[in-house]
Amino acid sequence: MADVEEDMTTTHEEFVKQALRDYESPLIGYAVTFLRDVERARDVVQDTFIRLYQQDVEKVRGGLKTWLFTVCRNRALDVIRKEKRVVALKEDEMAQVPSTRRTPAERADLEERVAQMRSGLERLSENQREVILLKFEQGLSYQEISEVTGLSDGNVGFLIHTGLKRLRGFLPDDLIENITPQTAQ
């Protein structure tokens, strides 16, 4: 009987470790969109994984990605409500994309494009920005976004469509030429 319990613990720990490897970075990026602070985002993600460790693996295994993003979102919103303030993320922190393969000119161009995209996203409603980031930055499906945000699939599609339409209105054409409602689905 002790061997069975040990196997379950090892399996449980391996499950959490694998989830941490697969989802820690995307969850931190997602939490930053709410908290605008990398350290607070890391705290939220750490809390998310603590909650995963406390969960019954079988209850979350089938929808792990959605479960993690939902818990992370709810925890980030709890932090915002508790602090009752939002700290603006320094633009240069978001624009820094480390790479040893890009020339300084390429890095500067990329940083400028990232800053333009972030600026454009900031002009969208909070719901539009969130669903667009979940779709294009995190790669979630409409169904997964619906489960994370509590919005209907139709509302998610509408928000993505109208958000992309608004982005097209104030971003350079070359920046969004590959992002269309058809590729969003």
C-alpha atoms as a PDB file:
ATOM      1  CA  MET A   1       0.000   0.000   0.000  1.00  0.00           C
ATOM      2  CA  ALA A   2       2.880   2.371   0.772  1.00  0.00           C
ATOM      3  CA  ASP A   3       4.285   1.788  -2.730  1.00  0.00           C
ATOM      4  CA  VAL A   4       0.961   2.797  -4.315  1.00  0.00           C
ATOM      5  CA  GLU A   5       0.871   6.023  -2.271  1.00  0.00           C
ATOM      6  CA  GLU A   6       4.493   6.757  -3.188  1.00  0.00           C
ATOM      7  CA  ASP A   7       3.766   6.178  -6.901  1.00  0.00           C
ATOM      8  CA  MET A   8       0.758   8.505  -6.736  1.00  0.00           C
ATOM      9  CA  THR A   9       2.872  11.206  -5.025  1.00  0.00           C
ATOM     10  CA  THR A  10       5.645  10.853  -7.583  1.00  0.00           C
ATOM     11  CA  THR A  11       3.135  10.952 -10.424  1.00  0.00           C
ATOM     12  CA  HIS A  12       1.402  13.962  -8.869  1.00  0.00           C
ATOM     13  CA  GLU A  13       4.708  15.786  -8.405  1.00  0.00           C
ATOM     14  CA  GLU A  14       5.810  14.941 -11.950  1.00  0.00           C
ATOM     15  CA  PHE A  15       2.477  16.221 -13.286  1.00  0.00           C
ATOM     16  CA  VAL A  16       2.927  19.549 -11.492  1.00  0.00           C
ATOM     17  CA  LYS A  17       6.587  19.807 -12.550  1.00  0.00           C
ATOM     18  CA  GLN A  18       5.635  19.194 -16.183  1.00  0.00           C
ATOM     19  CA  ALA A  19       2.846  21.777 -15.976  1.00  0.00           C
ATOM     20  CA  LEU A  20       5.330  24.237 -14.509  1.00  0.00           C
ATOM     21  CA  ARG A  21       7.762  23.634 -17.375  1.00  0.00           C
ATOM     22  CA  ASP A  22       5.030  23.961 -19.999  1.00  0.00           C
ATOM     23  CA  TYR A  23       3.004  26.874 -18.671  1.00  0.00           C
ATOM     24  CA  GLU A  24       5.024  29.021 -16.259  1.00  0.00           C
ATOM     25  CA  SER A  25       6.287  31.514 -18.858  1.00  0.00           C
ATOM     26  CA  PRO A  26       2.960  31.916 -20.720  1.00  0.00           C
ATOM     27  CA  LEU A  27       1.144  32.379 -17.414  1.00  0.00           C
ATOM     28  CA  ILE A  28       3.601  35.038 -16.262  1.00  0.00           C
ATOM     29  CA  GLY A  29       3.092  36.882 -19.552  1.00  0.00           C
ATOM     30  CA  TYR A  30      -0.655  36.607 -19.131  1.00  0.00           C
ATOM     31  CA  ALA A  31      -0.581  37.812 -15.521  1.00  0.00           C
ATOM     32  CA  VAL A  32       1.583  40.791 -16.544  1.00  0.00           C
ATOM     33  CA  THR A  33      -1.244  41.967 -18.821  1.00  0.00           C
ATOM     34  CA  PHE A  34      -3.378  42.425 -15.711  1.00  0.00           C
ATOM     35  CA  LEU A  35      -0.835  43.437 -13.104  1.00  0.00           C
ATOM     36  CA  ARG A  36       1.649  45.365 -15.239  1.00  0.00           C
ATOM     37  CA  ASP A  37       4.416  44.175 -12.946  1.00  0.00           C
ATOM     38  CA  VAL A  38       6.571  41.118 -13.571  1.00  0.00           C
ATOM     39  CA  GLU A  39       7.290  40.383  -9.914  1.00  0.00           C
ATOM     40  CA  ARG A  40       3.624  40.501  -8.898  1.00  0.00           C
ATOM     41  CA  ALA A  41       2.813  38.348 -11.934  1.00  0.00           C
ATOM     42  CA  ARG A  42       5.369  35.772 -10.782  1.00  0.00           C
ATOM     43  CA  ASP A  43       3.748  35.743  -7.342  1.00  0.00           C
ATOM     44  CA  VAL A  44       0.333  35.107  -8.916  1.00  0.00           C
ATOM     45  CA  VAL A  45       1.728  32.301 -11.073  1.00  0.00           C
ATOM     46  CA  GLN A  46       3.458  30.775  -8.057  1.00  0.00           C
ATOM     47  CA  ASP A  47       0.138  30.826  -6.214  1.00  0.00           C
ATOM     48  CA  THR A  48      -1.513  29.239  -9.268  1.00  0.00           C
ATOM     49  CA  PHE A  49       0.922  26.329  -9.174  1.00  0.00           C
ATOM     50  CA  ILE A  50       0.516  25.939  -5.409  1.00  0.00           C
ATOM     51  CA  ARG A  51      -3.206  25.581  -6.031  1.00  0.00           C
ATOM     52  CA  LEU A  52      -2.496  23.058  -8.786  1.00  0.00           C
ATOM     53  CA  TYR A  53      -0.356  21.044  -6.388  1.00  0.00           C
ATOM     54  CA  GLN A  54      -3.276  20.979  -3.949  1.00  0.00           C
ATOM     55  CA  GLN A  55      -5.725  19.789  -6.627  1.00  0.00           C
ATOM     56  CA  ASP A  56      -6.687  16.250  -7.494  1.00  0.00           C
ATOM     57  CA  VAL A  57      -4.729  15.602 -10.700  1.00  0.00           C
ATOM     58  CA  GLU A  58      -7.596  13.678 -12.290  1.00  0.00           C
ATOM     59  CA  LYS A  59      -9.939  16.669 -11.919  1.00  0.00           C
ATOM     60  CA  VAL A  60      -7.670  19.013 -13.889  1.00  0.00           C
ATOM     61  CA  ARG A  61      -5.742  16.710 -16.222  1.00  0.00           C
ATOM     62  CA  GLY A  62      -8.175  16.959 -19.138  1.00  0.00           C
ATOM     63  CA  GLY A  63      -8.393  20.748 -19.107  1.00  0.00           C
ATOM     64  CA  LEU A  64      -5.114  21.720 -17.491  1.00  0.00           C
ATOM     65  CA  LYS A  65      -4.311  24.683 -19.724  1.00  0.00           C
ATOM     66  CA  THR A  66      -7.743  26.231 -19.266  1.00  0.00           C
ATOM     67  CA  TRP A  67      -7.695  25.516 -15.531  1.00  0.00           C
ATOM     68  CA  LEU A  68      -4.296  27.183 -15.104  1.00  0.00           C
ATOM     69  CA  PHE A  69      -5.235  30.290 -17.088  1.00  0.00           C
ATOM     70  CA  THR A  70      -8.550  30.580 -15.217  1.00  0.00           C
ATOM     71  CA  VAL A  71      -6.927  30.300 -11.788  1.00  0.00           C
ATOM     72  CA  CYS A  72      -4.168  32.713 -12.841  1.00  0.00           C
ATOM     73  CA  ARG A  73      -6.730  35.241 -14.130  1.00  0.00           C
ATOM     74  CA  ASN A  74      -8.861  35.005 -11.010  1.00  0.00           C
ATOM     75  CA  ARG A  75      -5.836  35.354  -8.747  1.00  0.00           C
ATOM     76  CA  ALA A  76      -4.556  38.384 -10.710  1.00  0.00           C
ATOM     77  CA  LEU A  77      -7.975  40.036 -10.457  1.00  0.00           C
ATOM     78  CA  ASP A  78      -7.992  39.305  -6.710  1.00  0.00           C
ATOM     79  CA  VAL A  79      -4.633  41.074  -6.374  1.00  0.00           C
ATOM     80  CA  ILE A  80      -5.912  44.085  -8.328  1.00  0.00           C
ATOM     81  CA  ARG A  81      -9.039  44.286  -6.202  1.00  0.00           C
ATOM     82  CA  LYS A  82      -6.988  43.982  -3.037  1.00  0.00           C
ATOM     83  CA  GLU A  83      -4.494  46.660  -4.019  1.00  0.00           C
ATOM     84  CA  LYS A  84      -7.097  48.873  -5.726  1.00  0.00           C
ATOM     85  CA  ARG A  85      -4.515  50.249  -8.057  1.00  0.00           C
ATOM     86  CA  VAL A  86      -2.790  49.360 -11.264  1.00  0.00           C
ATOM     87  CA  VAL A  87       0.889  50.107 -11.660  1.00  0.00           C
ATOM     88  CA  ALA A  88       1.843  51.103 -15.180  1.00  0.00           C
ATOM     89  CA  LEU A  89       4.350  48.706 -16.682  1.00  0.00           C
ATOM     90  CA  LYS A  90       7.424  50.451 -17.933  1.00  0.00           C
ATOM     91  CA  GLU A  91       7.256  50.470 -21.709  1.00  0.00           C
ATOM     92  CA  ASP A  92      10.926  49.579 -22.022  1.00  0.00           C
ATOM     93  CA  GLU A  93      10.395  46.383 -19.985  1.00  0.00           C
ATOM     94  CA  MET A  94       7.758  45.170 -22.452  1.00  0.00           C
ATOM     95  CA  ALA A  95       9.748  46.236 -25.494  1.00  0.00           C
ATOM     96  CA  GLN A  96      12.913  44.384 -24.542  1.00  0.00           C
ATOM     97  CA  VAL A  97      13.168  41.223 -26.557  1.00  0.00           C
ATOM     98  CA  PRO A  98      16.549  39.649 -25.893  1.00  0.00           C
ATOM     99  CA  SER A  99      18.194  37.994 -28.833  1.00  0.00           C
ATOM    100  CA  THR A 100      21.776  37.378 -29.753  1.00  0.00           C
ATOM    101  CA  ARG A 101      20.952  36.707 -33.409  1.00  0.00           C
ATOM    102  CA  ARG A 102      19.500  40.108 -34.266  1.00  0.00           C
ATOM    103  CA  THR A 103      21.552  43.106 -35.290  1.00  0.00           C
ATOM    104  CA  PRO A 104      21.129  46.308 -33.282  1.00  0.00           C
ATOM    105  CA  ALA A 105      19.050  47.772 -36.125  1.00  0.00           C
ATOM    106  CA  GLU A 106      16.789  44.698 -36.193  1.00  0.00           C
ATOM    107  CA  ARG A 107      16.376  44.827 -32.423  1.00  0.00           C
ATOM    108  CA  ALA A 108      15.524  48.530 -32.553  1.00  0.00           C
ATOM    109  CA  ASP A 109      12.961  47.895 -35.301  1.00  0.00           C
ATOM    110  CA  LEU A 110      11.438  44.996 -33.359  1.00  0.00           C
ATOM    111  CA  GLU A 111      11.305  47.045 -30.152  1.00  0.00           C
ATOM    112  CA  GLU A 112       9.567  49.853 -32.034  1.00  0.00           C
ATOM    113  CA  ARG A 113       7.036  47.442 -33.521  1.00  0.00           C
ATOM    114  CA  VAL A 114       6.375  45.845 -30.122  1.00  0.00           C
ATOM    115  CA  ALA A 115       5.883  49.309 -28.619  1.00  0.00           C
ATOM    116  CA  GLN A 116       3.463  50.207 -31.444  1.00  0.00           C
ATOM    117  CA  MET A 117       1.489  47.008 -30.898  1.00  0.00           C
ATOM    118  CA  ARG A 118       1.376  47.499 -27.113  1.00  0.00           C
ATOM    119  CA  SER A 119       0.263  51.095 -27.624  1.00  0.00           C
ATOM    120  CA  GLY A 120      -2.459  49.941 -30.003  1.00  0.00           C
ATOM    121  CA  LEU A 121      -3.605  47.248 -27.579  1.00  0.00           C
ATOM    122  CA  GLU A 122      -3.811  49.811 -24.774  1.00  0.00           C
ATOM    123  CA  ARG A 123      -6.353  51.735 -26.861  1.00  0.00           C
ATOM    124  CA  LEU A 124      -8.714  48.746 -26.893  1.00  0.00           C
ATOM    125  CA  SER A 125     -11.240  47.936 -24.217  1.00  0.00           C
ATOM    126  CA  GLU A 126      -9.980  45.673 -21.443  1.00  0.00           C
ATOM    127  CA  ASN A 127     -12.091  42.744 -22.728  1.00  0.00           C
ATOM    128  CA  GLN A 128     -10.868  43.161 -26.314  1.00  0.00           C
ATOM    129  CA  ARG A 129      -7.241  43.383 -25.214  1.00  0.00           C
ATOM    130  CA  GLU A 130      -7.554  40.316 -22.974  1.00  0.00           C
ATOM    131  CA  VAL A 131      -9.157  38.025 -25.570  1.00  0.00           C
ATOM    132  CA  ILE A 132      -6.744  39.146 -28.308  1.00  0.00           C
ATOM    133  CA  LEU A 133      -3.746  38.457 -26.071  1.00  0.00           C
ATOM    134  CA  LEU A 134      -5.145  35.076 -25.037  1.00  0.00           C
ATOM    135  CA  LYS A 135      -5.701  34.184 -28.696  1.00  0.00           C
ATOM    136  CA  PHE A 136      -2.506  35.447 -30.304  1.00  0.00           C
ATOM    137  CA  GLU A 137       0.015  35.547 -27.471  1.00  0.00           C
ATOM    138  CA  GLN A 138      -1.083  32.430 -25.585  1.00  0.00           C
ATOM    139  CA  GLY A 139      -2.593  30.445 -28.477  1.00  0.00           C
ATOM    140  CA  LEU A 140      -5.862  29.614 -26.719  1.00  0.00           C
ATOM    141  CA  SER A 141      -8.907  28.529 -28.733  1.00  0.00           C
ATOM    142  CA  TYR A 142     -12.200  30.431 -28.564  1.00  0.00           C
ATOM    143  CA  GLN A 143     -13.554  27.700 -26.285  1.00  0.00           C
ATOM    144  CA  GLU A 144     -10.561  27.938 -23.955  1.00  0.00           C
ATOM    145  CA  ILE A 145     -10.801  31.745 -23.889  1.00  0.00           C
ATOM    146  CA  SER A 146     -14.488  31.396 -23.108  1.00  0.00           C
ATOM    147  CA  GLU A 147     -13.736  29.094 -20.193  1.00  0.00           C
ATOM    148  CA  VAL A 148     -10.961  31.351 -18.853  1.00  0.00           C
ATOM    149  CA  THR A 149     -12.909  34.610 -19.071  1.00  0.00           C
ATOM    150  CA  GLY A 150     -16.464  33.374 -18.501  1.00  0.00           C
ATOM    151  CA  LEU A 151     -17.582  34.970 -21.781  1.00  0.00           C
ATOM    152  CA  SER A 152     -19.569  33.054 -24.399  1.00  0.00           C
ATOM    153  CA  ASP A 153     -17.786  31.730 -27.512  1.00  0.00           C
ATOM    154  CA  GLY A 154     -19.800  34.190 -29.599  1.00  0.00           C
ATOM    155  CA  ASN A 155     -18.795  37.099 -27.393  1.00  0.00           C
ATOM    156  CA  VAL A 156     -15.142  36.052 -27.598  1.00  0.00           C
ATOM    157  CA  GLY A 157     -15.354  35.969 -31.403  1.00  0.00           C
ATOM    158  CA  PHE A 158     -17.085  39.346 -31.499  1.00  0.00           C
ATOM    159  CA  LEU A 159     -14.491  40.925 -29.197  1.00  0.00           C
ATOM    160  CA  ILE A 160     -11.601  39.547 -31.260  1.00  0.00           C
ATOM    161  CA  HIS A 161     -13.211  40.658 -34.524  1.00  0.00           C
ATOM    162  CA  THR A 162     -14.016  44.192 -33.349  1.00  0.00           C
ATOM    163  CA  GLY A 163     -10.687  44.521 -31.531  1.00  0.00           C
ATOM    164  CA  LEU A 164      -8.718  43.572 -34.630  1.00  0.00           C
ATOM    165  CA  LYS A 165     -10.824  45.930 -36.703  1.00  0.00           C
ATOM    166  CA  ARG A 166     -10.011  48.779 -34.298  1.00  0.00           C
ATOM    167  CA  LEU A 167      -6.309  47.842 -34.311  1.00  0.00           C
ATOM    168  CA  ARG A 168      -6.284  48.011 -38.112  1.00  0.00           C
ATOM    169  CA  GLY A 169      -7.559  51.573 -37.793  1.00  0.00           C
ATOM    170  CA  PHE A 170      -4.627  52.886 -35.825  1.00  0.00           C
ATOM    171  CA  LEU A 171      -1.671  50.591 -36.523  1.00  0.00           C
ATOM    172  CA  PRO A 172       0.533  50.565 -39.635  1.00  0.00           C
ATOM    173  CA  ASP A 173      -0.664  48.097 -42.269  1.00  0.00           C
ATOM    174  CA  ASP A 174       2.583  46.108 -42.278  1.00  0.00           C
ATOM    175  CA  LEU A 175       2.302  45.515 -38.544  1.00  0.00           C
ATOM    176  CA  ILE A 176      -1.052  43.735 -38.683  1.00  0.00           C
ATOM    177  CA  GLU A 177      -1.176  42.379 -42.218  1.00  0.00           C
ATOM    178  CA  ASN A 178      -0.997  38.782 -40.985  1.00  0.00           C
ATOM    179  CA  ILE A 179      -3.583  39.226 -38.240  1.00  0.00           C
ATOM    180  CA  THR A 180      -7.123  38.972 -39.540  1.00  0.00           C
ATOM    181  CA  PRO A 181     -10.369  37.658 -38.067  1.00  0.00           C
ATOM    182  CA  GLN A 182     -10.041  34.614 -40.335  1.00  0.00           C
ATOM    183  CA  THR A 183      -6.667  33.662 -38.789  1.00  0.00           C
ATOM    184  CA  ALA A 184      -8.050  34.328 -35.338  1.00  0.00           C
ATOM    185  CA  GLN A 185     -10.455  31.390 -35.448  1.00  0.00           C
END
